[in-house]
Amino acid sequence: MQFNSVEFGVFFPLVLVVYFLIPRKIRSIWLLIASYYFYMSWKDTMPYKYPARIENKLTNMFAAITSKLTINPVIFILAWRTGIYTLFLLGDIVYALLKGRGLSLIVFIPAIFNVFALYAASGWSDYRYYWPIAVMTIFIFPFMNIYLREE
């Protein structure tokens, strides 16, 4: 069901009228049921055309860098396996807790939770898709080390 269809033109006023006629206690349940119906009745009627890739210097530079990083197996593991970056983060957290500086981790909590939420929320088994973790850790790890070593 699309927003500009006749089916939606009947569905929405019906949901709205029923919403105001039923008791307040079950309005949220009614909206849940109506939204389930709305999302389950979706039909893909639009042809999807993937946009053509436009070449530019930045994407060519990124492709050149990544191809060089995949030639050497050691560099490939260090650059693309996010488990290593996660171990760096965990090492810094343990270091801060052992040194009694756990409170100083408050500054980094949003970024750390973002990294671990990405692990928890995604169902991928192939870790190469976790590149945001690698990007975040490249910035978080040095700043955590500098911040934790200042006394």
N, C-alpha and C. Protein backbone atom coordinates (compact mmCIF):
# COMPACT_ATOMS: atom_id res chain seq x y z
N MET A 1 0.85 -1.17 0.00
CA MET A 1 0.00 0.00 0.00
C MET A 1 0.90 1.23 0.00
N GLN A 2 0.65 2.11 -0.93
CA GLN A 2 1.42 3.34 -1.01
C GLN A 2 0.57 4.51 -0.55
N PHE A 3 1.23 5.59 -0.16
CA PHE A 3 0.51 6.74 0.36
C PHE A 3 -0.41 7.39 -0.68
N ASN A 4 -0.07 7.28 -1.94
CA ASN A 4 -0.88 7.91 -2.98
C ASN A 4 -1.85 6.94 -3.65
N SER A 5 -2.23 5.87 -2.95
CA SER A 5 -3.15 4.90 -3.54
C SER A 5 -4.55 5.06 -2.95
N VAL A 6 -5.52 4.53 -3.66
CA VAL A 6 -6.92 4.55 -3.19
C VAL A 6 -7.04 3.70 -1.93
N GLU A 7 -6.32 2.61 -1.89
CA GLU A 7 -6.35 1.72 -0.72
C GLU A 7 -5.94 2.48 0.55
N PHE A 8 -4.91 3.31 0.46
CA PHE A 8 -4.50 4.11 1.61
C PHE A 8 -5.53 5.19 1.92
N GLY A 9 -6.18 5.72 0.88
CA GLY A 9 -7.23 6.71 1.08
C GLY A 9 -8.41 6.17 1.86
N VAL A 10 -8.65 4.88 1.80
CA VAL A 10 -9.70 4.23 2.61
C VAL A 10 -9.13 3.81 3.96
N PHE A 11 -7.93 3.29 3.96
CA PHE A 11 -7.30 2.76 5.17
C PHE A 11 -7.10 3.84 6.24
N PHE A 12 -6.53 4.97 5.87
CA PHE A 12 -6.18 5.98 6.86
C PHE A 12 -7.40 6.58 7.56
N PRO A 13 -8.45 7.01 6.85
CA PRO A 13 -9.62 7.52 7.57
C PRO A 13 -10.28 6.46 8.46
N LEU A 14 -10.28 5.20 8.00
CA LEU A 14 -10.86 4.13 8.80
C LEU A 14 -10.08 3.96 10.11
N VAL A 15 -8.76 3.95 10.01
CA VAL A 15 -7.93 3.82 11.21
C VAL A 15 -8.16 5.01 12.14
N LEU A 16 -8.24 6.19 11.58
CA LEU A 16 -8.43 7.40 12.38
C LEU A 16 -9.78 7.39 13.10
N VAL A 17 -10.85 7.01 12.40
CA VAL A 17 -12.18 6.97 13.01
C VAL A 17 -12.24 5.93 14.13
N VAL A 18 -11.72 4.74 13.86
CA VAL A 18 -11.73 3.68 14.87
C VAL A 18 -10.88 4.09 16.07
N TYR A 19 -9.78 4.78 15.82
CA TYR A 19 -8.89 5.22 16.90
C TYR A 19 -9.64 6.10 17.90
N PHE A 20 -10.46 7.03 17.39
CA PHE A 20 -11.17 7.93 18.30
C PHE A 20 -12.45 7.33 18.87
N LEU A 21 -12.92 6.21 18.33
CA LEU A 21 -14.12 5.56 18.85
C LEU A 21 -13.81 4.54 19.95
N ILE A 22 -12.63 3.97 19.95
CA ILE A 22 -12.31 2.94 20.94
C ILE A 22 -11.78 3.58 22.23
N PRO A 23 -11.85 2.84 23.35
CA PRO A 23 -11.35 3.39 24.62
C PRO A 23 -9.84 3.69 24.58
N ARG A 24 -9.41 4.62 25.39
CA ARG A 24 -8.02 5.05 25.41
C ARG A 24 -7.04 3.91 25.74
N LYS A 25 -7.47 2.97 26.53
CA LYS A 25 -6.57 1.89 26.96
C LYS A 25 -6.08 1.02 25.81
N ILE A 26 -6.91 0.87 24.79
CA ILE A 26 -6.52 -0.03 23.69
C ILE A 26 -6.17 0.72 22.40
N ARG A 27 -6.05 2.04 22.47
CA ARG A 27 -5.70 2.81 21.27
C ARG A 27 -4.31 2.44 20.75
N SER A 28 -3.36 2.26 21.66
CA SER A 28 -2.00 1.94 21.20
C SER A 28 -1.97 0.55 20.55
N ILE A 29 -2.77 -0.38 21.06
CA ILE A 29 -2.84 -1.71 20.45
C ILE A 29 -3.45 -1.61 19.06
N TRP A 30 -4.49 -0.77 18.93
CA TRP A 30 -5.11 -0.57 17.62
C TRP A 30 -4.11 0.02 16.62
N LEU A 31 -3.35 1.00 17.05
CA LEU A 31 -2.35 1.59 16.15
C LEU A 31 -1.27 0.57 15.78
N LEU A 32 -0.90 -0.28 16.72
CA LEU A 32 0.08 -1.32 16.43
C LEU A 32 -0.45 -2.28 15.36
N ILE A 33 -1.67 -2.72 15.53
CA ILE A 33 -2.29 -3.63 14.55
C ILE A 33 -2.42 -2.95 13.19
N ALA A 34 -2.86 -1.70 13.19
CA ALA A 34 -3.01 -0.97 11.92
C ALA A 34 -1.66 -0.77 11.24
N SER A 35 -0.65 -0.46 12.01
CA SER A 35 0.67 -0.26 11.39
C SER A 35 1.22 -1.57 10.86
N TYR A 36 0.99 -2.68 11.58
CA TYR A 36 1.41 -3.98 11.06
C TYR A 36 0.72 -4.26 9.72
N TYR A 37 -0.58 -4.00 9.67
CA TYR A 37 -1.31 -4.23 8.43
C TYR A 37 -0.76 -3.34 7.31
N PHE A 38 -0.51 -2.08 7.63
CA PHE A 38 -0.01 -1.14 6.63
C PHE A 38 1.34 -1.60 6.07
N TYR A 39 2.27 -1.96 6.94
CA TYR A 39 3.59 -2.35 6.47
C TYR A 39 3.60 -3.72 5.81
N MET A 40 2.70 -4.60 6.21
CA MET A 40 2.66 -5.92 5.58
C MET A 40 1.97 -5.89 4.23
N SER A 41 1.20 -4.84 3.95
CA SER A 41 0.51 -4.78 2.67
C SER A 41 1.31 -3.99 1.63
N TRP A 42 2.55 -3.73 1.89
CA TRP A 42 3.39 -2.99 0.95
C TRP A 42 3.69 -3.85 -0.27
N LYS A 43 3.59 -3.23 -1.44
CA LYS A 43 3.90 -3.91 -2.68
C LYS A 43 4.94 -3.10 -3.43
N ASP A 44 5.93 -3.77 -3.94
CA ASP A 44 6.98 -3.10 -4.69
C ASP A 44 6.52 -2.94 -6.13
N THR A 45 5.98 -1.79 -6.45
CA THR A 45 5.50 -1.55 -7.80
C THR A 45 6.44 -0.67 -8.61
N MET A 46 7.40 -0.06 -7.93
CA MET A 46 8.32 0.83 -8.62
C MET A 46 9.54 0.04 -9.09
N PRO A 47 9.93 0.21 -10.34
CA PRO A 47 11.16 -0.46 -10.78
C PRO A 47 12.37 0.23 -10.15
N TYR A 48 13.26 -0.56 -9.59
CA TYR A 48 14.43 0.00 -8.93
C TYR A 48 15.60 0.01 -9.90
N LYS A 49 16.17 1.16 -10.08
CA LYS A 49 17.33 1.29 -10.94
C LYS A 49 18.47 1.85 -10.10
N TYR A 50 19.51 1.07 -9.97
CA TYR A 50 20.67 1.51 -9.20
C TYR A 50 21.38 2.63 -9.97
N PRO A 51 21.68 3.73 -9.29
CA PRO A 51 22.32 4.83 -10.02
C PRO A 51 23.73 4.45 -10.49
N ALA A 52 24.09 4.96 -11.60
CA ALA A 52 25.41 4.67 -12.15
C ALA A 52 26.49 5.33 -11.30
N ARG A 53 27.61 4.68 -11.17
CA ARG A 53 28.72 5.21 -10.39
C ARG A 53 29.42 6.30 -11.19
N ILE A 54 29.60 7.43 -10.55
CA ILE A 54 30.29 8.54 -11.18
C ILE A 54 31.72 8.54 -10.67
N GLU A 55 32.65 8.43 -11.57
CA GLU A 55 34.06 8.40 -11.19
C GLU A 55 34.49 9.77 -10.67
N ASN A 56 35.26 9.76 -9.61
CA ASN A 56 35.89 10.98 -9.15
C ASN A 56 37.22 10.65 -8.50
N LYS A 57 38.01 11.67 -8.20
CA LYS A 57 39.35 11.44 -7.68
C LYS A 57 39.34 10.78 -6.31
N LEU A 58 38.36 11.13 -5.47
CA LEU A 58 38.32 10.57 -4.12
C LEU A 58 38.05 9.07 -4.14
N THR A 59 37.08 8.63 -4.93
CA THR A 59 36.80 7.19 -4.97
C THR A 59 37.95 6.43 -5.63
N ASN A 60 38.58 7.02 -6.62
CA ASN A 60 39.74 6.36 -7.23
C ASN A 60 40.90 6.25 -6.24
N MET A 61 41.11 7.31 -5.44
CA MET A 61 42.17 7.28 -4.44
C MET A 61 41.87 6.22 -3.37
N PHE A 62 40.61 6.16 -2.93
CA PHE A 62 40.23 5.17 -1.93
C PHE A 62 40.40 3.75 -2.47
N ALA A 63 40.04 3.54 -3.73
CA ALA A 63 40.21 2.22 -4.34
C ALA A 63 41.68 1.85 -4.43
N ALA A 64 42.53 2.81 -4.75
CA ALA A 64 43.98 2.53 -4.83
C ALA A 64 44.55 2.19 -3.46
N ILE A 65 44.14 2.92 -2.43
CA ILE A 65 44.64 2.65 -1.08
C ILE A 65 44.18 1.28 -0.60
N THR A 66 42.92 0.97 -0.79
CA THR A 66 42.42 -0.33 -0.32
C THR A 66 43.04 -1.49 -1.07
N SER A 67 43.32 -1.30 -2.36
CA SER A 67 43.95 -2.39 -3.09
C SER A 67 45.38 -2.62 -2.60
N LYS A 68 46.07 -1.57 -2.20
CA LYS A 68 47.42 -1.72 -1.64
C LYS A 68 47.38 -2.36 -0.25
N LEU A 69 46.31 -2.11 0.49
CA LEU A 69 46.19 -2.68 1.83
C LEU A 69 45.84 -4.17 1.78
N THR A 70 45.36 -4.65 0.67
CA THR A 70 44.97 -6.06 0.60
C THR A 70 46.06 -6.94 0.01
N ILE A 71 47.14 -6.37 -0.47
CA ILE A 71 48.21 -7.18 -1.07
C ILE A 71 48.98 -7.95 0.00
N ASN A 72 49.42 -7.27 1.04
CA ASN A 72 50.19 -7.89 2.11
C ASN A 72 49.22 -8.51 3.12
N PRO A 73 49.33 -9.80 3.44
CA PRO A 73 48.37 -10.44 4.35
C PRO A 73 48.40 -9.87 5.76
N VAL A 74 49.57 -9.47 6.26
CA VAL A 74 49.66 -8.92 7.62
C VAL A 74 48.95 -7.57 7.68
N ILE A 75 49.22 -6.73 6.69
CA ILE A 75 48.56 -5.42 6.65
C ILE A 75 47.07 -5.60 6.44
N PHE A 76 46.69 -6.60 5.63
CA PHE A 76 45.27 -6.87 5.40
C PHE A 76 44.56 -7.21 6.71
N ILE A 77 45.18 -8.06 7.51
CA ILE A 77 44.58 -8.45 8.79
C ILE A 77 44.49 -7.25 9.72
N LEU A 78 45.56 -6.47 9.80
CA LEU A 78 45.56 -5.31 10.70
C LEU A 78 44.59 -4.22 10.25
N ALA A 79 44.46 -4.07 8.94
CA ALA A 79 43.63 -2.97 8.44
C ALA A 79 42.15 -3.31 8.36
N TRP A 80 41.81 -4.57 8.13
CA TRP A 80 40.42 -4.88 7.83
C TRP A 80 39.73 -5.77 8.86
N ARG A 81 40.43 -6.33 9.80
CA ARG A 81 39.77 -7.18 10.79
C ARG A 81 39.45 -6.36 12.02
N THR A 82 38.18 -6.11 12.23
CA THR A 82 37.76 -5.19 13.28
C THR A 82 37.91 -5.79 14.67
N GLY A 83 38.10 -7.09 14.77
CA GLY A 83 38.33 -7.68 16.09
C GLY A 83 39.58 -7.12 16.74
N ILE A 84 40.58 -6.79 15.93
CA ILE A 84 41.81 -6.21 16.46
C ILE A 84 41.52 -4.83 17.05
N TYR A 85 40.72 -4.04 16.36
CA TYR A 85 40.37 -2.72 16.87
C TYR A 85 39.56 -2.83 18.16
N THR A 86 38.68 -3.81 18.19
CA THR A 86 37.88 -4.01 19.40
C THR A 86 38.78 -4.42 20.57
N LEU A 87 39.78 -5.24 20.32
CA LEU A 87 40.73 -5.60 21.38
C LEU A 87 41.50 -4.38 21.87
N PHE A 88 41.86 -3.47 20.96
CA PHE A 88 42.51 -2.23 21.38
C PHE A 88 41.61 -1.44 22.32
N LEU A 89 40.34 -1.32 21.96
CA LEU A 89 39.40 -0.59 22.81
C LEU A 89 39.24 -1.27 24.17
N LEU A 90 39.07 -2.59 24.15
CA LEU A 90 38.93 -3.32 25.41
C LEU A 90 40.20 -3.20 26.25
N GLY A 91 41.36 -3.22 25.61
CA GLY A 91 42.62 -3.04 26.33
C GLY A 91 42.70 -1.69 27.01
N ASP A 92 42.27 -0.65 26.33
CA ASP A 92 42.26 0.68 26.95
C ASP A 92 41.28 0.75 28.10
N ILE A 93 40.13 0.11 27.96
CA ILE A 93 39.14 0.12 29.04
C ILE A 93 39.69 -0.61 30.26
N VAL A 94 40.29 -1.77 30.05
CA VAL A 94 40.87 -2.53 31.16
C VAL A 94 42.01 -1.74 31.80
N TYR A 95 42.85 -1.12 30.99
CA TYR A 95 43.95 -0.31 31.51
C TYR A 95 43.43 0.82 32.40
N ALA A 96 42.38 1.50 31.94
CA ALA A 96 41.81 2.59 32.73
C ALA A 96 41.24 2.08 34.04
N LEU A 97 40.57 0.94 34.00
CA LEU A 97 39.99 0.39 35.22
C LEU A 97 41.07 -0.08 36.19
N LEU A 98 42.15 -0.68 35.69
CA LEU A 98 43.23 -1.14 36.56
C LEU A 98 44.00 0.01 37.19
N LYS A 99 44.11 1.11 36.48
CA LYS A 99 44.82 2.28 37.00
C LYS A 99 43.93 3.17 37.86
N GLY A 100 42.68 2.77 38.03
CA GLY A 100 41.76 3.56 38.85
C GLY A 100 41.27 4.81 38.14
N ARG A 101 41.33 4.81 36.83
CA ARG A 101 40.90 5.97 36.05
C ARG A 101 39.63 5.66 35.26
N GLY A 102 38.82 4.76 35.79
CA GLY A 102 37.60 4.36 35.09
C GLY A 102 36.65 5.51 34.87
N LEU A 103 36.65 6.48 35.78
CA LEU A 103 35.78 7.63 35.65
C LEU A 103 36.16 8.48 34.44
N SER A 104 37.41 8.44 34.05
CA SER A 104 37.83 9.24 32.90
C SER A 104 37.32 8.66 31.58
N LEU A 105 36.77 7.46 31.61
CA LEU A 105 36.19 6.87 30.39
C LEU A 105 34.85 7.49 30.01
N ILE A 106 34.29 8.31 30.89
CA ILE A 106 32.99 8.92 30.62
C ILE A 106 33.03 9.72 29.31
N VAL A 107 34.15 10.33 29.03
CA VAL A 107 34.29 11.11 27.81
C VAL A 107 34.11 10.23 26.57
N PHE A 108 34.53 8.99 26.66
CA PHE A 108 34.52 8.11 25.50
C PHE A 108 33.34 7.15 25.46
N ILE A 109 32.46 7.21 26.45
CA ILE A 109 31.34 6.27 26.52
C ILE A 109 30.45 6.29 25.27
N PRO A 110 30.07 7.46 24.72
CA PRO A 110 29.23 7.41 23.52
C PRO A 110 29.89 6.67 22.36
N ALA A 111 31.16 6.93 22.13
CA ALA A 111 31.84 6.27 21.01
C ALA A 111 32.01 4.77 21.28
N ILE A 112 32.35 4.41 22.52
CA ILE A 112 32.54 3.00 22.86
C ILE A 112 31.21 2.25 22.73
N PHE A 113 30.12 2.83 23.25
CA PHE A 113 28.82 2.17 23.13
C PHE A 113 28.39 2.08 21.68
N ASN A 114 28.76 3.06 20.87
CA ASN A 114 28.42 3.00 19.45
C ASN A 114 29.11 1.81 18.80
N VAL A 115 30.36 1.58 19.15
CA VAL A 115 31.10 0.44 18.59
C VAL A 115 30.44 -0.88 19.00
N PHE A 116 30.15 -1.04 20.29
CA PHE A 116 29.60 -2.30 20.75
C PHE A 116 28.13 -2.47 20.35
N ALA A 117 27.40 -1.37 20.18
CA ALA A 117 26.02 -1.47 19.70
C ALA A 117 25.99 -1.95 18.26
N LEU A 118 26.99 -1.57 17.49
CA LEU A 118 27.06 -2.05 16.12
C LEU A 118 27.24 -3.56 16.08
N TYR A 119 28.07 -4.07 16.98
CA TYR A 119 28.23 -5.52 17.08
C TYR A 119 26.91 -6.19 17.47
N ALA A 120 26.25 -5.63 18.48
CA ALA A 120 25.05 -6.27 19.02
C ALA A 120 23.87 -6.18 18.06
N ALA A 121 23.78 -5.11 17.30
CA ALA A 121 22.59 -4.88 16.49
C ALA A 121 22.63 -5.56 15.13
N SER A 122 23.79 -5.86 14.64
CA SER A 122 23.85 -6.42 13.30
C SER A 122 24.00 -7.94 13.36
N GLY A 123 23.44 -8.58 12.37
CA GLY A 123 23.49 -10.03 12.34
C GLY A 123 24.50 -10.58 11.36
N TRP A 124 25.41 -9.74 10.92
CA TRP A 124 26.39 -10.20 9.94
C TRP A 124 27.38 -11.13 10.58
N SER A 125 27.76 -12.14 9.86
CA SER A 125 28.80 -13.03 10.36
C SER A 125 30.14 -12.72 9.71
N ASP A 126 30.12 -11.91 8.69
CA ASP A 126 31.37 -11.54 8.00
C ASP A 126 31.79 -10.17 8.52
N TYR A 127 32.89 -10.13 9.24
CA TYR A 127 33.27 -8.93 9.96
C TYR A 127 33.84 -7.82 9.09
N ARG A 128 34.02 -8.07 7.81
CA ARG A 128 34.55 -6.99 6.99
C ARG A 128 33.52 -5.88 6.79
N TYR A 129 32.26 -6.14 7.12
CA TYR A 129 31.25 -5.10 7.00
C TYR A 129 31.20 -4.20 8.23
N TYR A 130 32.05 -4.44 9.17
CA TYR A 130 32.09 -3.61 10.38
C TYR A 130 33.10 -2.48 10.23
N TRP A 131 33.30 -1.95 9.06
CA TRP A 131 34.30 -0.92 8.86
C TRP A 131 34.07 0.33 9.69
N PRO A 132 32.84 0.70 10.08
CA PRO A 132 32.72 1.87 10.95
C PRO A 132 33.45 1.69 12.27
N ILE A 133 33.53 0.45 12.76
CA ILE A 133 34.27 0.21 14.00
C ILE A 133 35.74 0.54 13.80
N ALA A 134 36.29 0.11 12.68
CA ALA A 134 37.69 0.40 12.40
C ALA A 134 37.92 1.90 12.28
N VAL A 135 37.02 2.58 11.61
CA VAL A 135 37.17 4.03 11.45
C VAL A 135 37.07 4.74 12.81
N MET A 136 36.10 4.34 13.62
CA MET A 136 35.96 4.98 14.94
C MET A 136 37.16 4.67 15.83
N THR A 137 37.63 3.44 15.79
CA THR A 137 38.73 3.06 16.68
C THR A 137 40.02 3.76 16.30
N ILE A 138 40.22 4.00 15.01
CA ILE A 138 41.41 4.72 14.59
C ILE A 138 41.47 6.09 15.24
N PHE A 139 40.30 6.69 15.50
CA PHE A 139 40.27 8.00 16.15
C PHE A 139 40.17 7.89 17.67
N ILE A 140 39.43 6.91 18.17
CA ILE A 140 39.22 6.79 19.62
C ILE A 140 40.48 6.32 20.33
N PHE A 141 41.14 5.31 19.81
CA PHE A 141 42.26 4.66 20.50
C PHE A 141 43.39 5.64 20.83
N PRO A 142 43.90 6.42 19.89
CA PRO A 142 45.00 7.34 20.26
C PRO A 142 44.57 8.39 21.28
N PHE A 143 43.36 8.92 21.14
CA PHE A 143 42.91 9.93 22.09
C PHE A 143 42.70 9.34 23.47
N MET A 144 42.20 8.09 23.52
CA MET A 144 42.06 7.44 24.83
C MET A 144 43.43 7.24 25.48
N ASN A 145 44.41 6.83 24.69
CA ASN A 145 45.75 6.61 25.25
C ASN A 145 46.36 7.92 25.75
N ILE A 146 46.23 8.98 24.99
CA ILE A 146 46.76 10.28 25.43
C ILE A 146 46.03 10.75 26.68
N TYR A 147 44.72 10.60 26.68
CA TYR A 147 43.91 11.09 27.80
C TYR A 147 44.16 10.27 29.06
N LEU A 148 44.32 8.97 28.92
CA LEU A 148 44.53 8.13 30.09
C LEU A 148 45.93 8.23 30.66
N ARG A 149 46.89 8.62 29.88
CA ARG A 149 48.26 8.71 30.37
C ARG A 149 48.59 10.07 30.98
N GLU A 150 47.70 11.05 30.78
CA GLU A 150 47.91 12.34 31.43
C GLU A 150 47.55 12.21 32.90
N GLU A 151 48.42 12.64 33.74
CA GLU A 151 48.18 12.51 35.19
C GLU A 151 48.04 13.89 35.81
